[in-house]
Amino acid sequence: MTPEPECRGGYPLSQAEEIVGEDRFPALMDWMRGQTMMLCQGVRYDPDMGREVEACGGVAHGPVIYAYDLHRFLAGLPVID
């Protein structure tokens, strides 16, 4: 069972490394090659307000792996494009 993602978009790279371990992290990044990741900048665009508003408590998590992808990697499943 994995912990809750620190980012509402998924697992920041630092959290993903903690989950899979430093020794398996390079394999995760190889597995992720070509997969879509999110970039959390601590803000999101609100179309109703017409501007950016705070997201994730204002914390810019940087590159984020979607939970679905991390769970597939941990289960030993292949990449799905």
PDB file of N, CA and C in Angstrom:
ATOM      1  N   MET A   1       0.841  -1.181   0.000  1.00  0.00           N
ATOM      2  CA  MET A   1       0.000   0.000   0.000  1.00  0.00           C
ATOM      3  C   MET A   1       0.887   1.245   0.000  1.00  0.00           C
ATOM      4  N   THR A   2       0.612   2.137  -0.907  1.00  0.00           N
ATOM      5  CA  THR A   2       1.412   3.356  -0.989  1.00  0.00           C
ATOM      6  C   THR A   2       0.758   4.460  -0.169  1.00  0.00           C
ATOM      7  N   PRO A   3       1.570   5.399   0.329  1.00  0.00           N
ATOM      8  CA  PRO A   3       1.000   6.524   1.066  1.00  0.00           C
ATOM      9  C   PRO A   3       0.244   7.458   0.127  1.00  0.00           C
ATOM     10  N   GLU A   4      -0.503   8.352   0.704  1.00  0.00           N
ATOM     11  CA  GLU A   4      -1.201   9.368  -0.090  1.00  0.00           C
ATOM     12  C   GLU A   4      -0.167  10.230  -0.803  1.00  0.00           C
ATOM     13  N   PRO A   5      -0.438  10.614  -2.047  1.00  0.00           N
ATOM     14  CA  PRO A   5       0.482  11.514  -2.746  1.00  0.00           C
ATOM     15  C   PRO A   5       0.561  12.871  -2.043  1.00  0.00           C
ATOM     16  N   GLU A   6       1.760  13.439  -2.017  1.00  0.00           N
ATOM     17  CA  GLU A   6       1.954  14.762  -1.422  1.00  0.00           C
ATOM     18  C   GLU A   6       1.341  15.863  -2.282  1.00  0.00           C
ATOM     19  N   CYS A   7       1.194  15.608  -3.567  1.00  0.00           N
ATOM     20  CA  CYS A   7       0.649  16.583  -4.512  1.00  0.00           C
ATOM     21  C   CYS A   7      -0.718  16.092  -4.970  1.00  0.00           C
ATOM     22  N   ARG A   8      -1.615  17.004  -5.215  1.00  0.00           N
ATOM     23  CA  ARG A   8      -2.935  16.562  -5.675  1.00  0.00           C
ATOM     24  C   ARG A   8      -2.872  15.924  -7.059  1.00  0.00           C
ATOM     25  N   GLY A   9      -1.778  16.138  -7.777  1.00  0.00           N
ATOM     26  CA  GLY A   9      -1.613  15.530  -9.099  1.00  0.00           C
ATOM     27  C   GLY A   9      -0.962  14.159  -9.068  1.00  0.00           C
ATOM     28  N   GLY A  10      -0.325  13.814  -7.969  1.00  0.00           N
ATOM     29  CA  GLY A  10       0.349  12.525  -7.876  1.00  0.00           C
ATOM     30  C   GLY A  10       1.552  12.589  -6.959  1.00  0.00           C
ATOM     31  N   TYR A  11       2.571  11.803  -7.284  1.00  0.00           N
ATOM     32  CA  TYR A  11       3.743  11.672  -6.437  1.00  0.00           C
ATOM     33  C   TYR A  11       4.909  12.511  -6.966  1.00  0.00           C
ATOM     34  N   PRO A  12       5.348  13.524  -6.197  1.00  0.00           N
ATOM     35  CA  PRO A  12       6.565  14.242  -6.580  1.00  0.00           C
ATOM     36  C   PRO A  12       7.732  13.252  -6.651  1.00  0.00           C
ATOM     37  N   LEU A  13       8.736  13.573  -7.436  1.00  0.00           N
ATOM     38  CA  LEU A  13       9.850  12.648  -7.622  1.00  0.00           C
ATOM     39  C   LEU A  13      10.494  12.251  -6.298  1.00  0.00           C
ATOM     40  N   SER A  14      10.642  13.187  -5.366  1.00  0.00           N
ATOM     41  CA  SER A  14      11.267  12.861  -4.087  1.00  0.00           C
ATOM     42  C   SER A  14      10.435  11.831  -3.321  1.00  0.00           C
ATOM     43  N   GLN A  15       9.128  11.946  -3.352  1.00  0.00           N
ATOM     44  CA  GLN A  15       8.261  10.984  -2.670  1.00  0.00           C
ATOM     45  C   GLN A  15       8.287   9.639  -3.388  1.00  0.00           C
ATOM     46  N   ALA A  16       8.280   9.667  -4.718  1.00  0.00           N
ATOM     47  CA  ALA A  16       8.352   8.419  -5.486  1.00  0.00           C
ATOM     48  C   ALA A  16       9.645   7.676  -5.168  1.00  0.00           C
ATOM     49  N   GLU A  17      10.750   8.407  -5.033  1.00  0.00           N
ATOM     50  CA  GLU A  17      12.026   7.776  -4.696  1.00  0.00           C
ATOM     51  C   GLU A  17      11.973   7.148  -3.309  1.00  0.00           C
ATOM     52  N   GLU A  18      11.336   7.816  -2.352  1.00  0.00           N
ATOM     53  CA  GLU A  18      11.181   7.248  -1.010  1.00  0.00           C
ATOM     54  C   GLU A  18      10.380   5.947  -1.063  1.00  0.00           C
ATOM     55  N   ILE A  19       9.362   5.908  -1.904  1.00  0.00           N
ATOM     56  CA  ILE A  19       8.485   4.737  -1.991  1.00  0.00           C
ATOM     57  C   ILE A  19       9.200   3.553  -2.636  1.00  0.00           C
ATOM     58  N   VAL A  20       9.853   3.784  -3.770  1.00  0.00           N
ATOM     59  CA  VAL A  20      10.478   2.665  -4.491  1.00  0.00           C
ATOM     60  C   VAL A  20      11.880   2.353  -3.983  1.00  0.00           C
ATOM     61  N   GLY A  21      12.495   3.288  -3.325  1.00  0.00           N
ATOM     62  CA  GLY A  21      13.857   3.106  -2.839  1.00  0.00           C
ATOM     63  C   GLY A  21      14.873   3.671  -3.813  1.00  0.00           C
ATOM     64  N   GLU A  22      15.958   4.143  -3.257  1.00  0.00           N
ATOM     65  CA  GLU A  22      17.008   4.777  -4.061  1.00  0.00           C
ATOM     66  C   GLU A  22      17.571   3.832  -5.123  1.00  0.00           C
ATOM     67  N   ASP A  23      17.648   2.546  -4.801  1.00  0.00           N
ATOM     68  CA  ASP A  23      18.225   1.588  -5.748  1.00  0.00           C
ATOM     69  C   ASP A  23      17.304   1.298  -6.932  1.00  0.00           C
ATOM     70  N   ARG A  24      15.980   1.372  -6.731  1.00  0.00           N
ATOM     71  CA  ARG A  24      15.015   1.098  -7.825  1.00  0.00           C
ATOM     72  C   ARG A  24      14.556   2.365  -8.546  1.00  0.00           C
ATOM     73  N   PHE A  25      14.902   3.527  -8.011  1.00  0.00           N
ATOM     74  CA  PHE A  25      14.437   4.777  -8.614  1.00  0.00           C
ATOM     75  C   PHE A  25      14.894   4.928 -10.068  1.00  0.00           C
ATOM     76  N   PRO A  26      16.158   4.612 -10.420  1.00  0.00           N
ATOM     77  CA  PRO A  26      16.547   4.696 -11.832  1.00  0.00           C
ATOM     78  C   PRO A  26      15.684   3.810 -12.734  1.00  0.00           C
ATOM     79  N   ALA A  27      15.299   2.626 -12.240  1.00  0.00           N
ATOM     80  CA  ALA A  27      14.431   1.739 -13.033  1.00  0.00           C
ATOM     81  C   ALA A  27      13.055   2.371 -13.224  1.00  0.00           C
ATOM     82  N   LEU A  28      12.550   3.032 -12.194  1.00  0.00           N
ATOM     83  CA  LEU A  28      11.269   3.742 -12.327  1.00  0.00           C
ATOM     84  C   LEU A  28      11.376   4.829 -13.387  1.00  0.00           C
ATOM     85  N   MET A  29      12.445   5.598 -13.362  1.00  0.00           N
ATOM     86  CA  MET A  29      12.600   6.681 -14.332  1.00  0.00           C
ATOM     87  C   MET A  29      12.763   6.129 -15.756  1.00  0.00           C
ATOM     88  N   ASP A  30      13.430   4.984 -15.909  1.00  0.00           N
ATOM     89  CA  ASP A  30      13.507   4.332 -17.221  1.00  0.00           C
ATOM     90  C   ASP A  30      12.116   3.893 -17.664  1.00  0.00           C
ATOM     91  N   TRP A  31      11.339   3.327 -16.739  1.00  0.00           N
ATOM     92  CA  TRP A  31       9.970   2.875 -17.015  1.00  0.00           C
ATOM     93  C   TRP A  31       9.104   4.067 -17.427  1.00  0.00           C
ATOM     94  N   MET A  32       9.347   5.211 -16.816  1.00  0.00           N
ATOM     95  CA  MET A  32       8.548   6.414 -17.094  1.00  0.00           C
ATOM     96  C   MET A  32       8.920   7.095 -18.409  1.00  0.00           C
ATOM     97  N   ARG A  33      10.043   6.725 -19.006  1.00  0.00           N
ATOM     98  CA  ARG A  33      10.483   7.373 -20.244  1.00  0.00           C
ATOM     99  C   ARG A  33       9.370   7.317 -21.291  1.00  0.00           C
ATOM    100  N   GLY A  34       8.956   8.467 -21.763  1.00  0.00           N
ATOM    101  CA  GLY A  34       7.887   8.558 -22.758  1.00  0.00           C
ATOM    102  C   GLY A  34       6.505   8.696 -22.148  1.00  0.00           C
ATOM    103  N   GLN A  35       6.400   8.510 -20.830  1.00  0.00           N
ATOM    104  CA  GLN A  35       5.110   8.668 -20.162  1.00  0.00           C
ATOM    105  C   GLN A  35       4.881  10.145 -19.830  1.00  0.00           C
ATOM    106  N   THR A  36       3.637  10.497 -19.705  1.00  0.00           N
ATOM    107  CA  THR A  36       3.284  11.861 -19.346  1.00  0.00           C
ATOM    108  C   THR A  36       3.446  12.063 -17.848  1.00  0.00           C
ATOM    109  N   MET A  37       4.064  13.174 -17.480  1.00  0.00           N
ATOM    110  CA  MET A  37       4.166  13.575 -16.086  1.00  0.00           C
ATOM    111  C   MET A  37       3.566  14.971 -15.956  1.00  0.00           C
ATOM    112  N   MET A  38       3.289  15.352 -14.753  1.00  0.00           N
ATOM    113  CA  MET A  38       2.727  16.674 -14.481  1.00  0.00           C
ATOM    114  C   MET A  38       3.820  17.555 -13.877  1.00  0.00           C
ATOM    115  N   LEU A  39       3.729  18.852 -14.084  1.00  0.00           N
ATOM    116  CA  LEU A  39       4.626  19.803 -13.449  1.00  0.00           C
ATOM    117  C   LEU A  39       3.800  20.655 -12.499  1.00  0.00           C
ATOM    118  N   CYS A  40       4.003  20.470 -11.212  1.00  0.00           N
ATOM    119  CA  CYS A  40       3.271  21.227 -10.194  1.00  0.00           C
ATOM    120  C   CYS A  40       4.064  22.485  -9.864  1.00  0.00           C
ATOM    121  N   GLN A  41       3.440  23.636 -10.073  1.00  0.00           N
ATOM    122  CA  GLN A  41       4.094  24.905  -9.783  1.00  0.00           C
ATOM    123  C   GLN A  41       3.473  25.608  -8.571  1.00  0.00           C
ATOM    124  N   GLY A  42       2.593  24.910  -7.855  1.00  0.00           N
ATOM    125  CA  GLY A  42       1.977  25.490  -6.670  1.00  0.00           C
ATOM    126  C   GLY A  42       0.842  26.440  -6.978  1.00  0.00           C
ATOM    127  N   VAL A  43       0.475  26.541  -8.255  1.00  0.00           N
ATOM    128  CA  VAL A  43      -0.658  27.361  -8.682  1.00  0.00           C
ATOM    129  C   VAL A  43      -1.422  26.611  -9.763  1.00  0.00           C
ATOM    130  N   ARG A  44      -2.668  27.006  -9.960  1.00  0.00           N
ATOM    131  CA  ARG A  44      -3.464  26.467 -11.060  1.00  0.00           C
ATOM    132  C   ARG A  44      -4.273  27.603 -11.639  1.00  0.00           C
ATOM    133  N   TYR A  45      -4.655  27.461 -12.890  1.00  0.00           N
ATOM    134  CA  TYR A  45      -5.467  28.484 -13.536  1.00  0.00           C
ATOM    135  C   TYR A  45      -6.934  28.245 -13.207  1.00  0.00           C
ATOM    136  N   ASP A  46      -7.593  29.270 -12.710  1.00  0.00           N
ATOM    137  CA  ASP A  46      -9.025  29.206 -12.411  1.00  0.00           C
ATOM    138  C   ASP A  46      -9.756  29.989 -13.503  1.00  0.00           C
ATOM    139  N   PRO A  47     -10.458  29.303 -14.411  1.00  0.00           N
ATOM    140  CA  PRO A  47     -11.116  29.987 -15.520  1.00  0.00           C
ATOM    141  C   PRO A  47     -12.237  30.920 -15.063  1.00  0.00           C
ATOM    142  N   ASP A  48     -12.871  30.615 -13.941  1.00  0.00           N
ATOM    143  CA  ASP A  48     -13.930  31.492 -13.446  1.00  0.00           C
ATOM    144  C   ASP A  48     -13.376  32.825 -12.955  1.00  0.00           C
ATOM    145  N   MET A  49     -12.176  32.775 -12.369  1.00  0.00           N
ATOM    146  CA  MET A  49     -11.547  34.010 -11.871  1.00  0.00           C
ATOM    147  C   MET A  49     -10.683  34.664 -12.939  1.00  0.00           C
ATOM    148  N   GLY A  50     -10.336  33.895 -13.968  1.00  0.00           N
ATOM    149  CA  GLY A  50      -9.506  34.430 -15.046  1.00  0.00           C
ATOM    150  C   GLY A  50      -8.063  34.651 -14.646  1.00  0.00           C
ATOM    151  N   ARG A  51      -7.603  33.894 -13.629  1.00  0.00           N
ATOM    152  CA  ARG A  51      -6.216  34.064 -13.186  1.00  0.00           C
ATOM    153  C   ARG A  51      -5.758  32.808 -12.450  1.00  0.00           C
ATOM    154  N   GLU A  52      -4.468  32.799 -12.143  1.00  0.00           N
ATOM    155  CA  GLU A  52      -3.912  31.694 -11.379  1.00  0.00           C
ATOM    156  C   GLU A  52      -4.249  31.860  -9.904  1.00  0.00           C
ATOM    157  N   VAL A  53      -4.510  30.735  -9.242  1.00  0.00           N
ATOM    158  CA  VAL A  53      -4.768  30.723  -7.810  1.00  0.00           C
ATOM    159  C   VAL A  53      -3.878  29.655  -7.175  1.00  0.00           C
ATOM    160  N   GLU A  54      -3.699  29.756  -5.884  1.00  0.00           N
ATOM    161  CA  GLU A  54      -2.852  28.809  -5.165  1.00  0.00           C
ATOM    162  C   GLU A  54      -3.403  27.389  -5.287  1.00  0.00           C
ATOM    163  N   ALA A  55      -2.490  26.442  -5.432  1.00  0.00           N
ATOM    164  CA  ALA A  55      -2.834  25.021  -5.436  1.00  0.00           C
ATOM    165  C   ALA A  55      -1.779  24.291  -4.616  1.00  0.00           C
ATOM    166  N   CYS A  56      -2.106  23.137  -4.104  1.00  0.00           N
ATOM    167  CA  CYS A  56      -1.172  22.325  -3.323  1.00  0.00           C
ATOM    168  C   CYS A  56      -0.574  23.109  -2.160  1.00  0.00           C
ATOM    169  N   GLY A  57      -1.370  23.987  -1.574  1.00  0.00           N
ATOM    170  CA  GLY A  57      -0.881  24.776  -0.453  1.00  0.00           C
ATOM    171  C   GLY A  57       0.218  25.742  -0.843  1.00  0.00           C
ATOM    172  N   GLY A  58       0.309  26.047  -2.131  1.00  0.00           N
ATOM    173  CA  GLY A  58       1.336  26.962  -2.613  1.00  0.00           C
ATOM    174  C   GLY A  58       2.695  26.312  -2.793  1.00  0.00           C
ATOM    175  N   VAL A  59       2.776  25.006  -2.546  1.00  0.00           N
ATOM    176  CA  VAL A  59       4.043  24.287  -2.679  1.00  0.00           C
ATOM    177  C   VAL A  59       4.231  23.862  -4.132  1.00  0.00           C
ATOM    178  N   ALA A  60       5.355  24.250  -4.715  1.00  0.00           N
ATOM    179  CA  ALA A  60       5.688  23.825  -6.078  1.00  0.00           C
ATOM    180  C   ALA A  60       6.419  22.490  -5.969  1.00  0.00           C
ATOM    181  N   HIS A  61       5.713  21.390  -6.265  1.00  0.00           N
ATOM    182  CA  HIS A  61       6.290  20.061  -6.136  1.00  0.00           C
ATOM    183  C   HIS A  61       7.220  19.700  -7.293  1.00  0.00           C
ATOM    184  N   GLY A  62       7.165  20.448  -8.376  1.00  0.00           N
ATOM    185  CA  GLY A  62       7.994  20.128  -9.534  1.00  0.00           C
ATOM    186  C   GLY A  62       7.413  18.961 -10.309  1.00  0.00           C
ATOM    187  N   PRO A  63       8.260  18.130 -10.941  1.00  0.00           N
ATOM    188  CA  PRO A  63       7.755  16.988 -11.711  1.00  0.00           C
ATOM    189  C   PRO A  63       7.011  16.007 -10.803  1.00  0.00           C
ATOM    190  N   VAL A  64       5.874  15.532 -11.291  1.00  0.00           N
ATOM    191  CA  VAL A  64       5.009  14.647 -10.520  1.00  0.00           C
ATOM    192  C   VAL A  64       4.645  13.434 -11.374  1.00  0.00           C
ATOM    193  N   ILE A  65       4.761  12.253 -10.770  1.00  0.00           N
ATOM    194  CA  ILE A  65       4.360  11.013 -11.424  1.00  0.00           C
ATOM    195  C   ILE A  65       2.919  10.724 -11.031  1.00  0.00           C
ATOM    196  N   TYR A  66       2.075  10.479 -12.015  1.00  0.00           N
ATOM    197  CA  TYR A  66       0.682  10.154 -11.710  1.00  0.00           C
ATOM    198  C   TYR A  66       0.617   8.863 -10.890  1.00  0.00           C
ATOM    199  N   ALA A  67      -0.285   8.832  -9.920  1.00  0.00           N
ATOM    200  CA  ALA A  67      -0.415   7.677  -9.025  1.00  0.00           C
ATOM    201  C   ALA A  67      -0.629   6.392  -9.817  1.00  0.00           C
ATOM    202  N   TYR A  68      -1.424   6.448 -10.866  1.00  0.00           N
ATOM    203  CA  TYR A  68      -1.701   5.282 -11.700  1.00  0.00           C
ATOM    204  C   TYR A  68      -0.399   4.675 -12.222  1.00  0.00           C
ATOM    205  N   ASP A  69       0.505   5.516 -12.698  1.00  0.00           N
ATOM    206  CA  ASP A  69       1.763   5.016 -13.245  1.00  0.00           C
ATOM    207  C   ASP A  69       2.647   4.412 -12.157  1.00  0.00           C
ATOM    208  N   LEU A  70       2.740   5.062 -11.011  1.00  0.00           N
ATOM    209  CA  LEU A  70       3.564   4.515  -9.942  1.00  0.00           C
ATOM    210  C   LEU A  70       3.017   3.169  -9.477  1.00  0.00           C
ATOM    211  N   HIS A  71       1.713   3.060  -9.362  1.00  0.00           N
ATOM    212  CA  HIS A  71       1.107   1.797  -8.934  1.00  0.00           C
ATOM    213  C   HIS A  71       1.362   0.687  -9.961  1.00  0.00           C
ATOM    214  N   ARG A  72       1.314   1.023 -11.243  1.00  0.00           N
ATOM    215  CA  ARG A  72       1.601   0.026 -12.288  1.00  0.00           C
ATOM    216  C   ARG A  72       3.060  -0.426 -12.204  1.00  0.00           C
ATOM    217  N   PHE A  73       3.968   0.508 -11.998  1.00  0.00           N
ATOM    218  CA  PHE A  73       5.385   0.152 -11.863  1.00  0.00           C
ATOM    219  C   PHE A  73       5.590  -0.789 -10.679  1.00  0.00           C
ATOM    220  N   LEU A  74       5.016  -0.449  -9.538  1.00  0.00           N
ATOM    221  CA  LEU A  74       5.175  -1.267  -8.336  1.00  0.00           C
ATOM    222  C   LEU A  74       4.590  -2.665  -8.512  1.00  0.00           C
ATOM    223  N   ALA A  75       3.552  -2.776  -9.325  1.00  0.00           N
ATOM    224  CA  ALA A  75       2.927  -4.071  -9.577  1.00  0.00           C
ATOM    225  C   ALA A  75       3.657  -4.874 -10.647  1.00  0.00           C
ATOM    226  N   GLY A  76       4.695  -4.283 -11.255  1.00  0.00           N
ATOM    227  CA  GLY A  76       5.447  -4.979 -12.292  1.00  0.00           C
ATOM    228  C   GLY A  76       4.745  -5.037 -13.623  1.00  0.00           C
ATOM    229  N   LEU A  77       3.798  -4.136 -13.824  1.00  0.00           N
ATOM    230  CA  LEU A  77       3.030  -4.117 -15.069  1.00  0.00           C
ATOM    231  C   LEU A  77       3.750  -3.279 -16.130  1.00  0.00           C
ATOM    232  N   PRO A  78       3.460  -3.536 -17.397  1.00  0.00           N
ATOM    233  CA  PRO A  78       4.135  -2.792 -18.464  1.00  0.00           C
ATOM    234  C   PRO A  78       3.563  -1.381 -18.622  1.00  0.00           C
ATOM    235  N   VAL A  79       4.330  -0.580 -19.328  1.00  0.00           N
ATOM    236  CA  VAL A  79       3.877   0.765 -19.686  1.00  0.00           C
ATOM    237  C   VAL A  79       2.716   0.642 -20.657  1.00  0.00           C
ATOM    238  N   ILE A  80       1.710   1.466 -20.485  1.00  0.00           N
ATOM    239  CA  ILE A  80       0.602   1.547 -21.437  1.00  0.00           C
ATOM    240  C   ILE A  80       0.616   2.959 -22.007  1.00  0.00           C
ATOM    241  N   ASP A  81       0.741   3.073 -23.307  1.00  0.00           N
ATOM    242  CA  ASP A  81       0.744   4.392 -23.946  1.00  0.00           C
ATOM    243  C   ASP A  81      -0.648   4.919 -24.130  1.00  0.00           C
TER     244      ASP A  81
END
